[in-house]
N, C-alpha and C. Protein backbone atom coordinates (compact mmCIF):
# COMPACT_ATOMS: atom_id res chain seq x y z
N MET A 1 0.85 -1.18 0.00
CA MET A 1 0.00 0.00 0.00
C MET A 1 0.89 1.24 0.00
N GLY A 2 0.48 2.30 -0.66
CA GLY A 2 1.24 3.52 -0.77
C GLY A 2 1.13 4.45 0.41
N ILE A 3 0.35 4.08 1.41
CA ILE A 3 0.17 4.93 2.60
C ILE A 3 0.43 4.10 3.84
N GLU A 4 1.23 4.68 4.74
CA GLU A 4 1.51 4.02 6.01
C GLU A 4 1.34 5.04 7.12
N ILE A 5 0.65 4.67 8.18
CA ILE A 5 0.45 5.53 9.34
C ILE A 5 1.41 5.05 10.42
N ILE A 6 2.19 5.98 10.98
CA ILE A 6 3.13 5.61 12.04
C ILE A 6 2.90 6.48 13.27
N ASP A 7 3.25 5.94 14.40
CA ASP A 7 3.22 6.68 15.66
C ASP A 7 4.66 7.10 15.95
N THR A 8 5.00 8.33 15.57
CA THR A 8 6.39 8.79 15.67
C THR A 8 6.90 8.80 17.11
N LEU A 9 6.06 9.19 18.04
CA LEU A 9 6.49 9.26 19.45
C LEU A 9 6.78 7.85 19.97
N ALA A 10 5.90 6.90 19.70
CA ALA A 10 6.12 5.52 20.15
C ALA A 10 7.36 4.93 19.48
N LEU A 11 7.54 5.20 18.19
CA LEU A 11 8.71 4.70 17.46
C LEU A 11 10.00 5.24 18.08
N ALA A 12 10.05 6.54 18.32
CA ALA A 12 11.25 7.16 18.90
C ALA A 12 11.57 6.58 20.27
N ASN A 13 10.56 6.44 21.10
CA ASN A 13 10.78 5.93 22.45
C ASN A 13 11.14 4.45 22.46
N ARG A 14 10.74 3.71 21.44
CA ARG A 14 11.10 2.29 21.33
C ARG A 14 12.52 2.13 20.77
N GLU A 15 12.85 2.84 19.68
CA GLU A 15 14.13 2.67 18.99
C GLU A 15 15.27 3.45 19.65
N LYS A 16 14.95 4.61 20.22
CA LYS A 16 15.92 5.45 20.92
C LYS A 16 17.14 5.81 20.06
N LYS A 17 16.91 6.05 18.76
CA LYS A 17 17.96 6.46 17.83
C LYS A 17 17.30 7.05 16.59
N ARG A 18 18.11 7.68 15.73
CA ARG A 18 17.59 8.19 14.46
C ARG A 18 17.09 7.01 13.65
N THR A 19 15.84 7.08 13.22
CA THR A 19 15.22 5.96 12.52
C THR A 19 14.60 6.45 11.21
N VAL A 20 15.07 5.92 10.10
CA VAL A 20 14.50 6.26 8.80
C VAL A 20 13.15 5.57 8.68
N VAL A 21 12.12 6.33 8.31
CA VAL A 21 10.78 5.75 8.18
C VAL A 21 10.31 5.72 6.72
N MET A 22 11.01 6.41 5.83
CA MET A 22 10.67 6.41 4.41
C MET A 22 11.90 6.83 3.62
N ASN A 23 12.15 6.14 2.50
CA ASN A 23 13.26 6.52 1.64
C ASN A 23 12.93 6.12 0.21
N THR A 24 12.59 7.12 -0.60
CA THR A 24 12.34 6.89 -2.03
C THR A 24 13.32 7.75 -2.81
N ARG A 25 13.30 7.65 -4.11
CA ARG A 25 14.24 8.46 -4.90
C ARG A 25 13.89 9.95 -4.85
N ARG A 26 12.67 10.29 -4.47
CA ARG A 26 12.26 11.70 -4.44
C ARG A 26 12.17 12.32 -3.05
N PHE A 27 12.20 11.47 -1.99
CA PHE A 27 11.89 11.99 -0.65
C PHE A 27 12.35 10.98 0.40
N HIS A 28 12.79 11.49 1.55
CA HIS A 28 13.01 10.59 2.69
C HIS A 28 12.62 11.30 3.98
N ALA A 29 12.30 10.49 4.97
CA ALA A 29 11.83 11.00 6.27
C ALA A 29 12.42 10.12 7.37
N TRP A 30 12.62 10.72 8.53
CA TRP A 30 13.19 10.00 9.66
C TRP A 30 12.67 10.62 10.95
N VAL A 31 12.83 9.88 12.02
CA VAL A 31 12.52 10.38 13.36
C VAL A 31 13.87 10.57 14.06
N HIS A 32 14.12 11.80 14.50
CA HIS A 32 15.34 12.14 15.25
C HIS A 32 15.09 11.85 16.72
N TYR A 33 16.08 11.29 17.39
CA TYR A 33 16.00 11.04 18.83
C TYR A 33 17.34 11.40 19.45
N TYR A 34 17.37 12.46 20.24
CA TYR A 34 18.56 12.84 21.00
C TYR A 34 18.19 12.59 22.46
N PRO A 35 18.76 11.55 23.08
CA PRO A 35 18.27 11.13 24.40
C PRO A 35 18.58 12.07 25.56
N ASN A 36 19.72 12.75 25.51
CA ASN A 36 20.17 13.48 26.70
C ASN A 36 20.28 14.98 26.46
N PRO A 37 19.94 15.77 27.48
CA PRO A 37 20.20 17.21 27.38
C PRO A 37 21.69 17.42 27.07
N GLY A 38 21.97 18.32 26.13
CA GLY A 38 23.35 18.58 25.73
C GLY A 38 23.77 17.81 24.49
N ASP A 39 23.05 16.74 24.12
CA ASP A 39 23.38 16.02 22.89
C ASP A 39 23.24 16.98 21.72
N ARG A 40 24.19 16.91 20.79
CA ARG A 40 24.17 17.84 19.67
C ARG A 40 24.88 17.21 18.48
N ASP A 41 24.69 17.82 17.32
CA ASP A 41 25.46 17.42 16.15
C ASP A 41 26.42 18.55 15.79
N ASP A 42 27.10 18.42 14.67
CA ASP A 42 28.04 19.45 14.25
C ASP A 42 27.31 20.54 13.47
N MET A 43 27.95 21.67 13.29
CA MET A 43 27.41 22.72 12.42
C MET A 43 27.58 22.20 11.00
N HIS A 44 26.47 22.08 10.28
CA HIS A 44 26.52 21.46 8.96
C HIS A 44 25.35 21.92 8.08
N CYS A 45 25.40 21.51 6.84
CA CYS A 45 24.27 21.71 5.93
C CYS A 45 24.12 20.48 5.06
N HIS A 46 23.05 20.46 4.30
CA HIS A 46 22.79 19.38 3.35
C HIS A 46 22.53 19.99 1.98
N ASN A 47 22.58 19.18 0.97
CA ASN A 47 22.40 19.62 -0.41
C ASN A 47 20.95 19.52 -0.86
N ALA A 48 20.01 19.49 0.06
CA ALA A 48 18.59 19.40 -0.28
C ALA A 48 17.76 20.17 0.74
N ASP A 49 16.59 20.61 0.31
CA ASP A 49 15.67 21.29 1.22
C ASP A 49 15.13 20.28 2.23
N GLN A 50 14.82 20.78 3.43
CA GLN A 50 14.32 19.88 4.46
C GLN A 50 13.46 20.63 5.46
N SER A 51 12.79 19.85 6.31
CA SER A 51 12.04 20.44 7.41
C SER A 51 12.16 19.53 8.62
N PHE A 52 12.01 20.15 9.79
CA PHE A 52 11.93 19.43 11.06
C PHE A 52 10.63 19.84 11.73
N TYR A 53 9.94 18.87 12.32
CA TYR A 53 8.76 19.15 13.12
C TYR A 53 9.03 18.63 14.52
N MET A 54 8.93 19.52 15.50
CA MET A 54 9.24 19.17 16.89
C MET A 54 8.08 18.43 17.52
N ILE A 55 8.36 17.23 18.04
CA ILE A 55 7.32 16.39 18.63
C ILE A 55 7.36 16.44 20.15
N SER A 56 8.57 16.32 20.72
CA SER A 56 8.69 16.26 22.17
C SER A 56 10.05 16.82 22.59
N GLY A 57 10.08 17.49 23.71
CA GLY A 57 11.33 18.04 24.22
C GLY A 57 11.58 19.44 23.70
N GLU A 58 12.86 19.81 23.64
CA GLU A 58 13.24 21.14 23.18
C GLU A 58 14.54 21.03 22.39
N CYS A 59 14.58 21.73 21.27
CA CYS A 59 15.75 21.76 20.41
C CYS A 59 16.15 23.21 20.18
N THR A 60 17.42 23.50 20.38
CA THR A 60 17.93 24.80 20.00
C THR A 60 18.75 24.62 18.73
N MET A 61 18.38 25.40 17.73
CA MET A 61 19.12 25.40 16.47
C MET A 61 20.10 26.57 16.53
N HIS A 62 21.38 26.27 16.35
CA HIS A 62 22.43 27.29 16.34
C HIS A 62 22.81 27.56 14.89
N PHE A 63 23.16 28.82 14.59
CA PHE A 63 23.51 29.23 13.24
C PHE A 63 24.91 29.83 13.23
N PRO A 64 25.60 29.82 12.08
CA PRO A 64 26.99 30.29 12.02
C PRO A 64 27.21 31.71 12.51
N ASP A 65 26.21 32.57 12.40
CA ASP A 65 26.39 33.97 12.82
C ASP A 65 26.22 34.16 14.33
N GLY A 66 26.02 33.05 15.06
CA GLY A 66 25.89 33.12 16.51
C GLY A 66 24.45 33.22 16.99
N THR A 67 23.50 33.39 16.09
CA THR A 67 22.10 33.45 16.50
C THR A 67 21.59 32.02 16.71
N LYS A 68 20.41 31.94 17.31
CA LYS A 68 19.81 30.63 17.55
C LYS A 68 18.29 30.77 17.58
N ALA A 69 17.63 29.64 17.47
CA ALA A 69 16.17 29.57 17.54
C ALA A 69 15.81 28.32 18.32
N THR A 70 14.77 28.41 19.12
CA THR A 70 14.35 27.27 19.93
C THR A 70 13.06 26.69 19.39
N LEU A 71 13.08 25.37 19.21
CA LEU A 71 11.90 24.64 18.77
C LEU A 71 11.32 23.90 19.97
N THR A 72 10.01 24.04 20.15
CA THR A 72 9.27 23.31 21.17
C THR A 72 8.16 22.56 20.44
N PRO A 73 7.49 21.60 21.09
CA PRO A 73 6.47 20.82 20.40
C PRO A 73 5.46 21.70 19.65
N GLY A 74 5.23 21.30 18.41
CA GLY A 74 4.31 22.03 17.54
C GLY A 74 5.01 23.00 16.60
N LYS A 75 6.28 23.30 16.83
CA LYS A 75 7.02 24.21 15.95
C LYS A 75 7.75 23.42 14.87
N ALA A 76 8.00 24.09 13.75
CA ALA A 76 8.71 23.47 12.63
C ALA A 76 9.82 24.39 12.16
N ALA A 77 10.87 23.79 11.63
CA ALA A 77 11.97 24.52 10.99
C ALA A 77 11.95 24.15 9.51
N LEU A 78 11.96 25.17 8.65
CA LEU A 78 11.96 24.98 7.20
C LEU A 78 13.32 25.44 6.70
N ILE A 79 14.08 24.54 6.12
CA ILE A 79 15.49 24.79 5.83
C ILE A 79 15.77 24.61 4.34
N THR A 80 16.29 25.64 3.72
CA THR A 80 16.71 25.57 2.33
C THR A 80 18.06 24.87 2.25
N GLY A 81 18.22 23.97 1.28
CA GLY A 81 19.49 23.27 1.11
C GLY A 81 20.64 24.25 1.05
N GLY A 82 21.76 23.92 1.71
CA GLY A 82 22.93 24.80 1.75
C GLY A 82 22.96 25.72 2.96
N SER A 83 21.91 25.71 3.79
CA SER A 83 21.87 26.56 4.99
C SER A 83 22.47 25.79 6.17
N PHE A 84 23.47 26.38 6.80
CA PHE A 84 24.16 25.71 7.91
C PHE A 84 23.40 25.88 9.22
N TYR A 85 23.42 24.81 10.03
CA TYR A 85 22.77 24.81 11.34
C TYR A 85 23.38 23.71 12.20
N GLN A 86 23.09 23.78 13.50
CA GLN A 86 23.47 22.74 14.46
C GLN A 86 22.27 22.51 15.37
N LEU A 87 21.95 21.25 15.63
CA LEU A 87 20.86 20.89 16.53
C LEU A 87 21.42 20.53 17.89
N GLU A 88 20.76 21.01 18.95
CA GLU A 88 21.17 20.66 20.31
C GLU A 88 19.93 20.41 21.16
N ASN A 89 19.96 19.32 21.92
CA ASN A 89 18.89 19.03 22.86
C ASN A 89 19.08 19.94 24.07
N THR A 90 18.21 20.94 24.20
CA THR A 90 18.30 21.88 25.33
C THR A 90 17.14 21.71 26.29
N GLY A 91 16.44 20.59 26.18
CA GLY A 91 15.35 20.30 27.10
C GLY A 91 15.85 19.55 28.32
N SER A 92 14.91 19.02 29.10
CA SER A 92 15.26 18.29 30.31
C SER A 92 15.17 16.78 30.13
N GLY A 93 14.81 16.34 28.94
CA GLY A 93 14.70 14.91 28.64
C GLY A 93 14.97 14.68 27.17
N PRO A 94 14.52 13.56 26.61
CA PRO A 94 14.75 13.28 25.20
C PRO A 94 14.15 14.34 24.27
N MET A 95 14.82 14.56 23.15
CA MET A 95 14.36 15.47 22.09
C MET A 95 13.94 14.58 20.91
N ILE A 96 12.69 14.76 20.47
CA ILE A 96 12.16 13.94 19.38
C ILE A 96 11.60 14.85 18.31
N MET A 97 12.11 14.67 17.08
CA MET A 97 11.66 15.47 15.94
C MET A 97 11.43 14.54 14.74
N MET A 98 10.56 14.98 13.85
CA MET A 98 10.38 14.32 12.56
C MET A 98 11.12 15.16 11.53
N GLY A 99 11.95 14.52 10.73
CA GLY A 99 12.68 15.21 9.68
C GLY A 99 12.25 14.71 8.31
N ASN A 100 12.21 15.61 7.35
CA ASN A 100 11.85 15.28 5.97
C ASN A 100 12.81 16.01 5.05
N ARG A 101 13.21 15.35 3.97
CA ARG A 101 14.14 15.99 3.05
C ARG A 101 13.83 15.51 1.64
N SER A 102 14.02 16.41 0.67
CA SER A 102 13.81 16.03 -0.72
C SER A 102 14.94 15.11 -1.16
N GLY A 103 14.64 14.19 -2.05
CA GLY A 103 15.62 13.26 -2.57
C GLY A 103 15.80 12.04 -1.69
N SER A 104 16.49 11.05 -2.23
CA SER A 104 16.82 9.84 -1.48
C SER A 104 17.91 10.16 -0.46
N GLN A 105 17.87 9.50 0.69
CA GLN A 105 18.93 9.72 1.68
C GLN A 105 20.29 9.28 1.14
N ASP A 106 20.30 8.41 0.14
CA ASP A 106 21.55 7.94 -0.44
C ASP A 106 22.27 9.02 -1.24
N ASP A 107 21.55 10.07 -1.64
CA ASP A 107 22.13 11.15 -2.43
C ASP A 107 22.44 12.41 -1.62
N ILE A 108 22.22 12.33 -0.32
CA ILE A 108 22.38 13.51 0.53
C ILE A 108 23.82 13.65 1.01
N LYS A 109 24.29 14.88 0.99
CA LYS A 109 25.61 15.20 1.53
C LYS A 109 25.44 15.82 2.91
N HIS A 110 26.43 15.62 3.75
CA HIS A 110 26.48 16.21 5.09
C HIS A 110 27.76 17.05 5.11
N ILE A 111 27.60 18.33 4.84
CA ILE A 111 28.74 19.23 4.70
C ILE A 111 29.06 19.89 6.04
N ASN A 112 30.24 19.59 6.58
CA ASN A 112 30.68 20.18 7.84
C ASN A 112 31.03 21.65 7.61
N TYR A 113 30.60 22.52 8.52
CA TYR A 113 30.81 23.96 8.38
C TYR A 113 32.29 24.34 8.40
N GLU A 114 33.06 23.76 9.30
CA GLU A 114 34.47 24.15 9.45
C GLU A 114 35.33 23.68 8.29
N THR A 115 35.13 22.44 7.86
CA THR A 115 36.00 21.88 6.82
C THR A 115 35.42 22.02 5.42
N ARG A 116 34.11 22.27 5.33
CA ARG A 116 33.38 22.33 4.06
C ARG A 116 33.49 21.00 3.30
N GLU A 117 33.76 19.93 4.01
CA GLU A 117 33.86 18.61 3.41
C GLU A 117 32.62 17.80 3.71
N ASP A 118 32.29 16.89 2.79
CA ASP A 118 31.15 15.99 2.94
C ASP A 118 31.58 14.83 3.84
N LEU A 119 31.07 14.80 5.07
CA LEU A 119 31.45 13.75 6.01
C LEU A 119 30.99 12.38 5.54
N ARG A 120 29.87 12.31 4.84
CA ARG A 120 29.39 11.01 4.36
C ARG A 120 30.33 10.44 3.31
N ALA A 121 30.84 11.28 2.42
CA ALA A 121 31.72 10.80 1.35
C ALA A 121 33.04 10.30 1.92
N GLN A 122 33.46 10.84 3.05
CA GLN A 122 34.75 10.47 3.64
C GLN A 122 34.62 9.35 4.66
N GLY A 123 33.41 8.87 4.89
CA GLY A 123 33.23 7.87 5.92
C GLY A 123 33.37 8.46 7.31
N GLY A 124 33.26 9.77 7.43
CA GLY A 124 33.46 10.45 8.71
C GLY A 124 32.22 10.54 9.57
N MET A 125 31.10 9.99 9.12
CA MET A 125 29.86 10.10 9.90
C MET A 125 29.96 9.34 11.22
N ASP A 126 30.69 8.23 11.25
CA ASP A 126 30.84 7.50 12.51
C ASP A 126 31.58 8.33 13.54
N ARG A 127 32.67 9.01 13.11
CA ARG A 127 33.42 9.89 14.02
C ARG A 127 32.54 11.04 14.48
N TYR A 128 31.76 11.61 13.56
CA TYR A 128 30.87 12.72 13.91
C TYR A 128 29.82 12.27 14.91
N ARG A 129 29.20 11.10 14.69
CA ARG A 129 28.17 10.62 15.61
C ARG A 129 28.74 10.34 16.99
N GLU A 130 29.96 9.79 17.04
CA GLU A 130 30.60 9.53 18.33
C GLU A 130 30.86 10.84 19.07
N ARG A 131 31.35 11.85 18.36
CA ARG A 131 31.60 13.17 18.94
C ARG A 131 30.29 13.80 19.40
N ALA A 132 29.23 13.62 18.63
CA ALA A 132 27.95 14.25 18.93
C ALA A 132 27.30 13.67 20.17
N ARG A 133 27.65 12.45 20.52
CA ARG A 133 27.07 11.83 21.71
C ARG A 133 27.58 12.46 23.00
N LYS A 134 28.74 13.09 22.92
CA LYS A 134 29.33 13.70 24.10
C LYS A 134 28.72 15.07 24.32
N PRO A 135 28.17 15.33 25.53
CA PRO A 135 27.57 16.64 25.79
C PRO A 135 28.57 17.77 25.62
N LYS A 136 28.06 18.90 25.14
CA LYS A 136 28.88 20.09 24.95
C LYS A 136 29.33 20.63 26.30
N GLU A 137 30.60 20.96 26.39
CA GLU A 137 31.10 21.56 27.62
C GLU A 137 30.63 23.00 27.70
N ARG A 138 30.21 23.41 28.84
CA ARG A 138 29.66 24.75 29.01
C ARG A 138 30.68 25.67 29.63
């Protein structure tokens, strides 16, 4: 069937990790799960437009110019491909978001802000994920 209904909150709490829920040549979607306050990723961008919808917890999006925006349940971030950002769990518990992006996840680049290199092409995503698990020092 071409339609599937999922319970994103139940899925996130069961899997406790980033979980791809759809991947076609034109579109992919996933559920983001950052378990601990302070969990964050690197400052990066992708080569496709995307959106995030906040389901549970709190996410602060940091931008290269030093500004930031806070997402709470019910808020969405609409991101044009090539726009740099960093996600950080700034709530008191798990952060759960639904992410959607144009194109297949197999064609997506993860461009690090500092190096301007595609971490996926270099096999650097494992190092990035390991670094991201460590809370940011304040």
